[in-house]
Each structure stands twice: as structure tokens, then as C-alpha cells.
Amino acid sequence: MSSKIQRYQSLDPLLTGLMQDSPHDLSRYSNFVALLYQNFPIYSWIGFYFLHNNHLILGPFQGRVACDTIALGRGVCGTVIKSGHPHIAQDVRLLDNYIACDHYTLSEIVLPLTYQGTAIGVLDIDSYVIRAFDEEDRIGLEKLLTILTNSLNGHLPL
């Protein structure tokens, strides 16, 4: 088992505790991004974008100031929300449809966020390191997102 997979797995009990102790969904989203940001120094930015009126609206995040609204189908986040499938961009400079909120970003992973089978947004993670993300990240992040979504009270963020 790789050290990356072990690192994600080591966060399972911490995240579960945070989710159980938090009375509000907004706090859950906020602590989710803070926990991952603190434990993965390779992340330059991590946050949620939530679906609202055919746009993605910026939610809780850690890192530099970010784009606040993304149209469906635009950039990696807008593409993921439309397709419902995760996307790993090994080198964002090679993407025609990339939205550069932070010009230092070199790679990105975006995962759909669903609640009870309905798409409600995306989890977006950036890095200043090229090829920072791979399938191990996708698997580890999907498991952590499951812990988060299973803890939600059903209050949609927007």
C-alpha cells in the first residue's frame, strides 16, 4: 500500500470525528477543506463549488482568493459538474478550457459532490506541482467525500 493511500486512510477517523461533532453542514464543509489542506502540503488550494442557478458558486476553501462563479461546462470544475465524472489535470497549461484563478497552478483534481444521488457541486484541489494528482488521490478523496456526504443533515449549501 502506498504512503499516499495510507495518508488518506489516516484521515478517516479524524474526519469522522469532525463530522460527528459539527452541528451544521457549512461547518462540515469548512472543516473538511481545512483538514485536507493541513495534511497535504502539496495542495495550493482546496475548496468546494456549489451548484446554484446553472452556475458553480464558491464555497468554503483554503488557499488564495478564488474565482467566485463558474459557468457550467467552463473549466475543469464546470466540465466535471456536467459530466458527473472526476477529472485529473496533470498539466493545466495543456487544457484549452482551463480557468486560471491562480496563475501559479500547474495541476488540478476535481471530483463531483453528490448528495443522495443528486449533483450539488464539486471538490476542487490545485497544486503548484505538475502531475501532483493521480488515481490514488481520486480514490482517497472519494472515500473522504463519502464520509462528508453521509454526515450531512440535508441542508443544501445554497
C-alpha atoms as a PDB file:
ATOM      1  CA  MET A   1       0.000   0.000   0.000  1.00  0.00           C
ATOM      2  CA  SER A   2       1.429   3.387  -0.950  1.00  0.00           C
ATOM      3  CA  SER A   3       2.166   6.093   1.593  1.00  0.00           C
ATOM      4  CA  LYS A   4      -0.340   8.355  -0.178  1.00  0.00           C
ATOM      5  CA  ILE A   5      -3.170   5.862   0.304  1.00  0.00           C
ATOM      6  CA  GLN A   6      -2.126   5.416   3.941  1.00  0.00           C
ATOM      7  CA  ARG A   7      -2.175   9.182   4.421  1.00  0.00           C
ATOM      8  CA  TYR A   8      -5.741   9.433   3.120  1.00  0.00           C
ATOM      9  CA  GLN A   9      -6.806   6.462   5.243  1.00  0.00           C
ATOM     10  CA  SER A  10      -5.249   8.012   8.345  1.00  0.00           C
ATOM     11  CA  LEU A  11      -7.663  10.931   7.945  1.00  0.00           C
ATOM     12  CA  ASP A  12     -10.777   8.693   8.030  1.00  0.00           C
ATOM     13  CA  PRO A  13     -11.144   8.671  11.846  1.00  0.00           C
ATOM     14  CA  LEU A  14     -10.229  12.362  12.166  1.00  0.00           C
ATOM     15  CA  LEU A  15     -12.762  13.362   9.550  1.00  0.00           C
ATOM     16  CA  THR A  16     -15.428  11.088  11.027  1.00  0.00           C
ATOM     17  CA  GLY A  17     -14.933  12.757  14.409  1.00  0.00           C
ATOM     18  CA  LEU A  18     -15.090  16.241  12.933  1.00  0.00           C
ATOM     19  CA  MET A  19     -18.267  15.413  11.054  1.00  0.00           C
ATOM     20  CA  GLN A  20     -19.965  13.907  14.125  1.00  0.00           C
ATOM     21  CA  ASP A  21     -19.036  16.855  16.342  1.00  0.00           C
ATOM     22  CA  SER A  22     -20.234  19.521  13.916  1.00  0.00           C
ATOM     23  CA  PRO A  23     -23.857  20.683  14.208  1.00  0.00           C
ATOM     24  CA  HIS A  24     -24.033  22.437  10.822  1.00  0.00           C
ATOM     25  CA  ASP A  25     -23.313  21.345   7.259  1.00  0.00           C
ATOM     26  CA  LEU A  26     -21.432  24.562   6.461  1.00  0.00           C
ATOM     27  CA  SER A  27     -19.053  23.798   9.323  1.00  0.00           C
ATOM     28  CA  ARG A  28     -18.608  20.272   7.964  1.00  0.00           C
ATOM     29  CA  TYR A  29     -17.583  21.578   4.530  1.00  0.00           C
ATOM     30  CA  SER A  30     -15.244  24.117   6.130  1.00  0.00           C
ATOM     31  CA  ASN A  31     -13.530  21.583   8.378  1.00  0.00           C
ATOM     32  CA  PHE A  32     -13.254  19.116   5.505  1.00  0.00           C
ATOM     33  CA  VAL A  33     -11.180  21.532   3.414  1.00  0.00           C
ATOM     34  CA  ALA A  34      -9.133  22.693   6.414  1.00  0.00           C
ATOM     35  CA  LEU A  35      -8.263  19.119   7.423  1.00  0.00           C
ATOM     36  CA  LEU A  36      -7.062  18.191   3.945  1.00  0.00           C
ATOM     37  CA  TYR A  37      -5.228  21.477   3.382  1.00  0.00           C
ATOM     38  CA  GLN A  38      -3.312  20.995   6.644  1.00  0.00           C
ATOM     39  CA  ASN A  39      -2.389  17.397   5.865  1.00  0.00           C
ATOM     40  CA  PHE A  40      -1.354  17.690   2.215  1.00  0.00           C
ATOM     41  CA  PRO A  41       1.276  20.417   1.764  1.00  0.00           C
ATOM     42  CA  ILE A  42       1.261  19.731  -1.985  1.00  0.00           C
ATOM     43  CA  TYR A  43      -2.210  21.330  -2.165  1.00  0.00           C
ATOM     44  CA  SER A  44      -2.013  25.024  -3.025  1.00  0.00           C
ATOM     45  CA  TRP A  45      -5.805  25.406  -2.923  1.00  0.00           C
ATOM     46  CA  ILE A  46      -8.773  23.264  -1.913  1.00  0.00           C
ATOM     47  CA  GLY A  47     -12.421  24.150  -1.849  1.00  0.00           C
ATOM     48  CA  PHE A  48     -15.978  23.487  -2.795  1.00  0.00           C
ATOM     49  CA  TYR A  49     -18.060  24.998  -5.568  1.00  0.00           C
ATOM     50  CA  PHE A  50     -21.807  24.522  -5.161  1.00  0.00           C
ATOM     51  CA  LEU A  51     -24.382  24.283  -7.937  1.00  0.00           C
ATOM     52  CA  HIS A  52     -26.807  27.214  -7.964  1.00  0.00           C
ATOM     53  CA  ASN A  53     -28.875  28.571 -10.883  1.00  0.00           C
ATOM     54  CA  ASN A  54     -26.794  26.786 -13.547  1.00  0.00           C
ATOM     55  CA  HIS A  55     -23.513  28.097 -12.136  1.00  0.00           C
ATOM     56  CA  LEU A  56     -20.970  26.907  -9.628  1.00  0.00           C
ATOM     57  CA  ILE A  57     -20.655  29.277  -6.676  1.00  0.00           C
ATOM     58  CA  LEU A  58     -17.557  29.375  -4.456  1.00  0.00           C
ATOM     59  CA  GLY A  59     -17.972  27.729  -1.069  1.00  0.00           C
ATOM     60  CA  PRO A  60     -15.604  27.048   1.840  1.00  0.00           C
ATOM     61  CA  PHE A  61     -11.975  26.919   0.766  1.00  0.00           C
ATOM     62  CA  GLN A  62      -8.348  27.211   1.880  1.00  0.00           C
ATOM     63  CA  GLY A  63      -5.717  28.993  -0.188  1.00  0.00           C
ATOM     64  CA  ARG A  64      -5.509  32.122  -2.305  1.00  0.00           C
ATOM     65  CA  VAL A  65      -8.508  34.158  -3.409  1.00  0.00           C
ATOM     66  CA  ALA A  66     -10.511  32.195  -5.988  1.00  0.00           C
ATOM     67  CA  CYS A  67     -12.965  32.607  -8.840  1.00  0.00           C
ATOM     68  CA  ASP A  68     -16.378  33.103  -7.282  1.00  0.00           C
ATOM     69  CA  THR A  69     -18.616  31.907 -10.122  1.00  0.00           C
ATOM     70  CA  ILE A  70     -18.029  29.294 -12.828  1.00  0.00           C
ATOM     71  CA  ALA A  71     -20.459  28.603 -15.660  1.00  0.00           C
ATOM     72  CA  LEU A  72     -21.467  25.002 -16.311  1.00  0.00           C
ATOM     73  CA  GLY A  73     -19.192  23.458 -18.902  1.00  0.00           C
ATOM     74  CA  ARG A  74     -16.396  26.017 -18.344  1.00  0.00           C
ATOM     75  CA  GLY A  75     -13.058  24.926 -16.980  1.00  0.00           C
ATOM     76  CA  VAL A  76     -12.394  21.680 -15.193  1.00  0.00           C
ATOM     77  CA  CYS A  77     -14.997  22.343 -12.478  1.00  0.00           C
ATOM     78  CA  GLY A  78     -17.746  23.249 -14.927  1.00  0.00           C
ATOM     79  CA  THR A  79     -16.940  20.190 -17.025  1.00  0.00           C
ATOM     80  CA  VAL A  80     -16.995  17.843 -14.021  1.00  0.00           C
ATOM     81  CA  ILE A  81     -20.369  19.090 -12.796  1.00  0.00           C
ATOM     82  CA  LYS A  82     -21.857  18.475 -16.254  1.00  0.00           C
ATOM     83  CA  SER A  83     -20.272  15.048 -16.763  1.00  0.00           C
ATOM     84  CA  GLY A  84     -20.531  13.777 -13.195  1.00  0.00           C
ATOM     85  CA  HIS A  85     -17.065  12.237 -13.528  1.00  0.00           C
ATOM     86  CA  PRO A  86     -13.829  13.178 -11.707  1.00  0.00           C
ATOM     87  CA  HIS A  87     -11.057  14.793 -13.702  1.00  0.00           C
ATOM     88  CA  ILE A  88      -7.320  14.857 -13.071  1.00  0.00           C
ATOM     89  CA  ALA A  89      -5.433  17.555 -14.969  1.00  0.00           C
ATOM     90  CA  GLN A  90      -1.755  16.628 -14.884  1.00  0.00           C
ATOM     91  CA  ASP A  91      -0.749  19.920 -16.532  1.00  0.00           C
ATOM     92  CA  VAL A  92      -3.425  22.624 -16.660  1.00  0.00           C
ATOM     93  CA  ARG A  93      -1.372  24.579 -19.233  1.00  0.00           C
ATOM     94  CA  LEU A  94      -2.390  21.951 -21.802  1.00  0.00           C
ATOM     95  CA  LEU A  95      -6.133  22.493 -21.332  1.00  0.00           C
ATOM     96  CA  ASP A  96      -7.994  24.742 -23.772  1.00  0.00           C
ATOM     97  CA  ASN A  97     -10.901  25.308 -21.411  1.00  0.00           C
ATOM     98  CA  TYR A  98      -8.902  25.970 -18.224  1.00  0.00           C
ATOM     99  CA  ILE A  99      -9.868  28.880 -15.943  1.00  0.00           C
ATOM    100  CA  ALA A 100      -6.765  30.262 -14.239  1.00  0.00           C
ATOM    101  CA  CYS A 101      -7.879  31.657 -10.886  1.00  0.00           C
ATOM    102  CA  ASP A 102      -4.262  31.331  -9.670  1.00  0.00           C
ATOM    103  CA  HIS A 103      -1.677  31.613 -12.434  1.00  0.00           C
ATOM    104  CA  TYR A 104       0.805  29.503 -10.464  1.00  0.00           C
ATOM    105  CA  THR A 105      -1.405  26.396 -10.532  1.00  0.00           C
ATOM    106  CA  LEU A 106       0.047  23.562 -12.595  1.00  0.00           C
ATOM    107  CA  SER A 107      -2.181  20.584 -11.798  1.00  0.00           C
ATOM    108  CA  GLU A 108      -5.685  20.007 -10.519  1.00  0.00           C
ATOM    109  CA  ILE A 109      -8.112  17.308  -9.445  1.00  0.00           C
ATOM    110  CA  VAL A 110     -11.858  17.894  -9.392  1.00  0.00           C
ATOM    111  CA  LEU A 111     -14.444  15.460  -8.050  1.00  0.00           C
ATOM    112  CA  PRO A 112     -18.214  15.684  -8.258  1.00  0.00           C
ATOM    113  CA  LEU A 113     -20.044  16.267  -4.994  1.00  0.00           C
ATOM    114  CA  THR A 114     -23.359  14.459  -4.745  1.00  0.00           C
ATOM    115  CA  TYR A 115     -25.963  14.235  -2.037  1.00  0.00           C
ATOM    116  CA  GLN A 116     -28.487  11.388  -2.161  1.00  0.00           C
ATOM    117  CA  GLY A 117     -27.707  10.825  -5.839  1.00  0.00           C
ATOM    118  CA  THR A 118     -28.044  14.476  -6.861  1.00  0.00           C
ATOM    119  CA  ALA A 119     -25.117  16.600  -8.025  1.00  0.00           C
ATOM    120  CA  ILE A 120     -24.720  19.583  -5.692  1.00  0.00           C
ATOM    121  CA  GLY A 121     -21.218  20.775  -6.572  1.00  0.00           C
ATOM    122  CA  VAL A 122     -17.584  19.833  -6.889  1.00  0.00           C
ATOM    123  CA  LEU A 123     -14.481  19.481  -4.761  1.00  0.00           C
ATOM    124  CA  ASP A 124     -11.600  21.292  -6.449  1.00  0.00           C
ATOM    125  CA  ILE A 125      -7.937  20.858  -5.457  1.00  0.00           C
ATOM    126  CA  ASP A 126      -4.991  22.634  -7.076  1.00  0.00           C
ATOM    127  CA  SER A 127      -1.225  22.268  -6.813  1.00  0.00           C
ATOM    128  CA  TYR A 128       1.804  24.272  -7.896  1.00  0.00           C
ATOM    129  CA  VAL A 129       3.430  20.923  -8.722  1.00  0.00           C
ATOM    130  CA  ILE A 130       2.951  19.397 -12.158  1.00  0.00           C
ATOM    131  CA  ARG A 131       1.407  15.883 -12.114  1.00  0.00           C
ATOM    132  CA  ALA A 132       0.621  16.208  -8.389  1.00  0.00           C
ATOM    133  CA  PHE A 133      -2.522  14.053  -8.569  1.00  0.00           C
ATOM    134  CA  ASP A 134      -3.249  10.508  -9.668  1.00  0.00           C
ATOM    135  CA  GLU A 135      -5.773   7.696  -9.223  1.00  0.00           C
ATOM    136  CA  GLU A 136      -4.682   7.160  -5.627  1.00  0.00           C
ATOM    137  CA  ASP A 137      -5.751  10.735  -4.876  1.00  0.00           C
ATOM    138  CA  ARG A 138      -9.078  10.179  -6.603  1.00  0.00           C
ATOM    139  CA  ILE A 139      -9.750   7.014  -4.615  1.00  0.00           C
ATOM    140  CA  GLY A 140      -8.679   8.541  -1.305  1.00  0.00           C
ATOM    141  CA  LEU A 141     -10.667  11.727  -1.869  1.00  0.00           C
ATOM    142  CA  GLU A 142     -13.803   9.857  -2.946  1.00  0.00           C
ATOM    143  CA  LYS A 143     -13.717   7.874   0.308  1.00  0.00           C
ATOM    144  CA  LEU A 144     -13.340  11.061   2.347  1.00  0.00           C
ATOM    145  CA  LEU A 145     -16.155  12.733   0.410  1.00  0.00           C
ATOM    146  CA  THR A 146     -18.360   9.755   1.266  1.00  0.00           C
ATOM    147  CA  ILE A 147     -17.693  10.352   4.968  1.00  0.00           C
ATOM    148  CA  LEU A 148     -18.640  14.007   4.485  1.00  0.00           C
ATOM    149  CA  THR A 149     -21.816  13.432   2.475  1.00  0.00           C
ATOM    150  CA  ASN A 150     -23.005  10.667   4.807  1.00  0.00           C
ATOM    151  CA  SER A 151     -22.814  13.149   7.682  1.00  0.00           C
ATOM    152  CA  LEU A 152     -24.832  15.934   6.034  1.00  0.00           C
ATOM    153  CA  ASN A 153     -28.139  16.993   7.530  1.00  0.00           C
ATOM    154  CA  GLY A 154     -29.651  17.606   4.128  1.00  0.00           C
ATOM    155  CA  HIS A 155     -29.290  21.367   4.156  1.00  0.00           C
ATOM    156  CA  LEU A 156     -28.038  22.208   0.711  1.00  0.00           C
ATOM    157  CA  PRO A 157     -25.351  24.885   0.838  1.00  0.00           C
ATOM    158  CA  LEU A 158     -27.163  27.414  -1.349  1.00  0.00           C
END
